[in-house]
């Protein structure tokens, strides 16, 4: 059904597994589009009472797949590239932030992308191997 995601609905729990372990589940345009599609489908699916996000293999996600986002989209015109970026931002930020059901993250390793999703999830589980990294930029009022 999906190329870059695994979806399992068991009981009232839907589990989305980012499924690009060979790339440490790096987010590419196809994954962004599929995430947006599955969030939309699960929102109205009565079998889904809560959502769990996790990753296949040893990593939750290594962040954005720069090769596919920038090099592969270089061939697209400006409007097509903008559409790819907009859908990616929608999937990673807006759609998950306003997802109407409880959301749980259960990553193996937390990386920059996971740190971005932290405020969007209701519950976050971590394991002994997990590490947390959050990039915070402080802006001085003098600037």
C-alpha atoms as a PDB file:
ATOM      1  CA  UNK A   1       0.000   0.000   0.000  1.00  0.00           C
ATOM      2  CA  UNK A   2       2.719   2.503   1.013  1.00  0.00           C
ATOM      3  CA  UNK A   3       6.319   2.514  -0.219  1.00  0.00           C
ATOM      4  CA  UNK A   4       7.994   4.318   2.700  1.00  0.00           C
ATOM      5  CA  UNK A   5       5.624   3.643   5.616  1.00  0.00           C
ATOM      6  CA  UNK A   6       4.219   0.628   7.378  1.00  0.00           C
ATOM      7  CA  UNK A   7       0.750   1.019   8.863  1.00  0.00           C
ATOM      8  CA  UNK A   8      -0.674  -1.380  11.418  1.00  0.00           C
ATOM      9  CA  UNK A   9      -4.019  -0.946  13.161  1.00  0.00           C
ATOM     10  CA  UNK A  10      -4.460  -3.216  16.142  1.00  0.00           C
ATOM     11  CA  UNK A  11      -7.310  -2.693  18.556  1.00  0.00           C
ATOM     12  CA  UNK A  12      -7.703   1.081  18.782  1.00  0.00           C
ATOM     13  CA  UNK A  13      -4.012   1.744  18.166  1.00  0.00           C
ATOM     14  CA  UNK A  14      -2.599   2.732  14.774  1.00  0.00           C
ATOM     15  CA  UNK A  15       1.181   2.398  14.403  1.00  0.00           C
ATOM     16  CA  UNK A  16       3.013   4.246  11.637  1.00  0.00           C
ATOM     17  CA  UNK A  17       6.556   2.978  11.094  1.00  0.00           C
ATOM     18  CA  UNK A  18       8.903   5.079   8.962  1.00  0.00           C
ATOM     19  CA  UNK A  19      10.286   2.367   6.676  1.00  0.00           C
ATOM     20  CA  UNK A  20      13.530   3.498   5.087  1.00  0.00           C
ATOM     21  CA  UNK A  21      16.016   1.745   7.413  1.00  0.00           C
ATOM     22  CA  UNK A  22      18.749   1.750   4.738  1.00  0.00           C
ATOM     23  CA  UNK A  23      18.639   5.576   4.922  1.00  0.00           C
ATOM     24  CA  UNK A  24      18.051   5.650   8.706  1.00  0.00           C
ATOM     25  CA  UNK A  25      14.437   6.625   7.907  1.00  0.00           C
ATOM     26  CA  UNK A  26      15.462   9.963   6.416  1.00  0.00           C
ATOM     27  CA  UNK A  27      12.429  11.943   5.279  1.00  0.00           C
ATOM     28  CA  UNK A  28      12.193  12.233   1.497  1.00  0.00           C
ATOM     29  CA  UNK A  29       9.375  13.732  -0.591  1.00  0.00           C
ATOM     30  CA  UNK A  30       7.643  10.349  -1.011  1.00  0.00           C
ATOM     31  CA  UNK A  31       7.632   9.765   2.747  1.00  0.00           C
ATOM     32  CA  UNK A  32       6.239  13.253   3.382  1.00  0.00           C
ATOM     33  CA  UNK A  33       3.429  12.710   0.882  1.00  0.00           C
ATOM     34  CA  UNK A  34       2.602   9.308   2.363  1.00  0.00           C
ATOM     35  CA  UNK A  35       2.637  10.690   5.930  1.00  0.00           C
ATOM     36  CA  UNK A  36       0.165  13.378   4.915  1.00  0.00           C
ATOM     37  CA  UNK A  37      -2.052  10.794   3.218  1.00  0.00           C
ATOM     38  CA  UNK A  38      -2.040   8.403   6.179  1.00  0.00           C
ATOM     39  CA  UNK A  39      -2.693  11.189   8.739  1.00  0.00           C
ATOM     40  CA  UNK A  40      -5.740  12.240   6.705  1.00  0.00           C
ATOM     41  CA  UNK A  41      -7.009   8.657   6.483  1.00  0.00           C
ATOM     42  CA  UNK A  42      -6.483   7.888  10.185  1.00  0.00           C
ATOM     43  CA  UNK A  43      -8.170  11.064  11.380  1.00  0.00           C
ATOM     44  CA  UNK A  44     -11.548   9.802  10.177  1.00  0.00           C
ATOM     45  CA  UNK A  45     -10.878   6.076  10.756  1.00  0.00           C
ATOM     46  CA  UNK A  46     -12.894   4.927  13.760  1.00  0.00           C
ATOM     47  CA  UNK A  47     -10.499   1.990  14.294  1.00  0.00           C
ATOM     48  CA  UNK A  48      -7.795   4.524  15.243  1.00  0.00           C
ATOM     49  CA  UNK A  49      -8.154   5.768  18.812  1.00  0.00           C
ATOM     50  CA  UNK A  50      -4.493   6.759  19.160  1.00  0.00           C
ATOM     51  CA  UNK A  51      -1.424   6.980  16.930  1.00  0.00           C
ATOM     52  CA  UNK A  52       2.103   5.658  17.542  1.00  0.00           C
ATOM     53  CA  UNK A  53       5.020   6.934  15.423  1.00  0.00           C
ATOM     54  CA  UNK A  54       8.209   4.891  15.240  1.00  0.00           C
ATOM     55  CA  UNK A  55      10.969   3.939  12.812  1.00  0.00           C
ATOM     56  CA  UNK A  56      12.206   0.688  11.289  1.00  0.00           C
ATOM     57  CA  UNK A  57      15.757  -0.419  12.022  1.00  0.00           C
ATOM     58  CA  UNK A  58      18.107   1.342  14.398  1.00  0.00           C
ATOM     59  CA  UNK A  59      16.896   4.916  13.960  1.00  0.00           C
ATOM     60  CA  UNK A  60      13.633   6.788  14.292  1.00  0.00           C
ATOM     61  CA  UNK A  61      14.736   9.258  11.621  1.00  0.00           C
ATOM     62  CA  UNK A  62      17.973  10.932  10.658  1.00  0.00           C
ATOM     63  CA  UNK A  63      16.097  14.022   9.464  1.00  0.00           C
ATOM     64  CA  UNK A  64      15.634  15.274   5.933  1.00  0.00           C
ATOM     65  CA  UNK A  65      17.080  13.288   3.028  1.00  0.00           C
ATOM     66  CA  UNK A  66      19.078  16.154   1.557  1.00  0.00           C
ATOM     67  CA  UNK A  67      20.002  14.300  -1.616  1.00  0.00           C
ATOM     68  CA  UNK A  68      16.396  13.659  -2.555  1.00  0.00           C
ATOM     69  CA  UNK A  69      15.030  17.017  -1.414  1.00  0.00           C
ATOM     70  CA  UNK A  70      17.571  19.260  -3.045  1.00  0.00           C
ATOM     71  CA  UNK A  71      19.414  17.377  -5.762  1.00  0.00           C
ATOM     72  CA  UNK A  72      16.475  15.386  -7.081  1.00  0.00           C
ATOM     73  CA  UNK A  73      14.135  18.381  -7.001  1.00  0.00           C
ATOM     74  CA  UNK A  74      16.627  20.592  -8.866  1.00  0.00           C
ATOM     75  CA  UNK A  75      15.124  19.327 -12.116  1.00  0.00           C
ATOM     76  CA  UNK A  76      11.678  20.607 -11.130  1.00  0.00           C
ATOM     77  CA  UNK A  77      10.506  24.103 -11.876  1.00  0.00           C
ATOM     78  CA  UNK A  78      10.059  26.560  -9.026  1.00  0.00           C
ATOM     79  CA  UNK A  79       6.337  25.880  -8.518  1.00  0.00           C
ATOM     80  CA  UNK A  80       6.810  22.100  -8.456  1.00  0.00           C
ATOM     81  CA  UNK A  81       9.685  22.399  -5.955  1.00  0.00           C
ATOM     82  CA  UNK A  82       7.596  24.697  -3.777  1.00  0.00           C
ATOM     83  CA  UNK A  83       4.773  22.142  -3.824  1.00  0.00           C
ATOM     84  CA  UNK A  84       7.156  19.411  -2.598  1.00  0.00           C
ATOM     85  CA  UNK A  85       8.459  21.619   0.221  1.00  0.00           C
ATOM     86  CA  UNK A  86       4.966  22.759   1.219  1.00  0.00           C
ATOM     87  CA  UNK A  87       3.655  19.181   1.429  1.00  0.00           C
ATOM     88  CA  UNK A  88       6.691  18.168   3.456  1.00  0.00           C
ATOM     89  CA  UNK A  89       6.170  20.972   5.950  1.00  0.00           C
ATOM     90  CA  UNK A  90       2.471  20.182   6.119  1.00  0.00           C
ATOM     91  CA  UNK A  91       3.138  16.504   6.913  1.00  0.00           C
ATOM     92  CA  UNK A  92       5.875  17.141   9.455  1.00  0.00           C
ATOM     93  CA  UNK A  93       4.410  20.123  11.242  1.00  0.00           C
ATOM     94  CA  UNK A  94       0.852  21.248  10.649  1.00  0.00           C
ATOM     95  CA  UNK A  95      -0.949  17.961  10.061  1.00  0.00           C
ATOM     96  CA  UNK A  96       0.633  16.189  13.018  1.00  0.00           C
ATOM     97  CA  UNK A  97       0.264  19.225  15.266  1.00  0.00           C
ATOM     98  CA  UNK A  98      -3.481  19.338  14.679  1.00  0.00           C
ATOM     99  CA  UNK A  99      -4.055  15.580  14.503  1.00  0.00           C
ATOM    100  CA  UNK A 100      -7.245  15.026  16.491  1.00  0.00           C
ATOM    101  CA  UNK A 101      -6.194  11.860  18.315  1.00  0.00           C
ATOM    102  CA  UNK A 102      -3.544  11.172  20.984  1.00  0.00           C
ATOM    103  CA  UNK A 103      -0.111  10.784  19.414  1.00  0.00           C
ATOM    104  CA  UNK A 104       2.731   8.759  20.899  1.00  0.00           C
ATOM    105  CA  UNK A 105       6.329   8.730  19.714  1.00  0.00           C
ATOM    106  CA  UNK A 106       8.328   5.588  20.371  1.00  0.00           C
ATOM    107  CA  UNK A 107      11.687   6.157  18.668  1.00  0.00           C
ATOM    108  CA  UNK A 108      14.767   3.989  18.941  1.00  0.00           C
ATOM    109  CA  UNK A 109      17.166   6.930  18.620  1.00  0.00           C
ATOM    110  CA  UNK A 110      16.070  10.546  18.705  1.00  0.00           C
ATOM    111  CA  UNK A 111      17.604  12.925  16.212  1.00  0.00           C
ATOM    112  CA  UNK A 112      16.931  16.404  14.924  1.00  0.00           C
ATOM    113  CA  UNK A 113      13.653  15.473  13.219  1.00  0.00           C
ATOM    114  CA  UNK A 114      12.379  13.793  16.354  1.00  0.00           C
ATOM    115  CA  UNK A 115      13.249  16.898  18.346  1.00  0.00           C
ATOM    116  CA  UNK A 116      11.119  18.879  15.909  1.00  0.00           C
ATOM    117  CA  UNK A 117       8.178  16.514  16.387  1.00  0.00           C
ATOM    118  CA  UNK A 118       8.434  16.492  20.206  1.00  0.00           C
ATOM    119  CA  UNK A 119       6.092  19.463  20.775  1.00  0.00           C
ATOM    120  CA  UNK A 120       3.596  17.884  18.385  1.00  0.00           C
ATOM    121  CA  UNK A 121       3.231  14.575  20.252  1.00  0.00           C
ATOM    122  CA  UNK A 122       1.175  13.990  23.349  1.00  0.00           C
ATOM    123  CA  UNK A 123       3.447  11.292  24.830  1.00  0.00           C
ATOM    124  CA  UNK A 124       7.075  10.423  24.091  1.00  0.00           C
ATOM    125  CA  UNK A 125       8.700   7.144  25.051  1.00  0.00           C
ATOM    126  CA  UNK A 126      12.428   6.678  25.080  1.00  0.00           C
ATOM    127  CA  UNK A 127      14.667   3.701  25.582  1.00  0.00           C
ATOM    128  CA  UNK A 128      18.088   3.294  27.183  1.00  0.00           C
ATOM    129  CA  UNK A 129      19.779   3.636  23.795  1.00  0.00           C
ATOM    130  CA  UNK A 130      17.850   6.828  23.022  1.00  0.00           C
ATOM    131  CA  UNK A 131      19.452  10.234  23.053  1.00  0.00           C
ATOM    132  CA  UNK A 132      17.848  13.632  22.884  1.00  0.00           C
ATOM    133  CA  UNK A 133      19.182  16.562  20.943  1.00  0.00           C
ATOM    134  CA  UNK A 134      17.304  19.761  20.576  1.00  0.00           C
ATOM    135  CA  UNK A 135      18.727  22.654  18.647  1.00  0.00           C
ATOM    136  CA  UNK A 136      17.805  25.935  20.253  1.00  0.00           C
ATOM    137  CA  UNK A 137      18.836  29.240  18.800  1.00  0.00           C
ATOM    138  CA  UNK A 138      18.758  32.141  21.169  1.00  0.00           C
ATOM    139  CA  UNK A 139      18.292  35.553  19.712  1.00  0.00           C
ATOM    140  CA  UNK A 140      19.640  38.408  21.700  1.00  0.00           C
ATOM    141  CA  UNK A 141      17.277  41.366  22.214  1.00  0.00           C
ATOM    142  CA  UNK A 142      20.172  43.650  21.285  1.00  0.00           C
ATOM    143  CA  UNK A 143      20.193  42.370  17.702  1.00  0.00           C
END
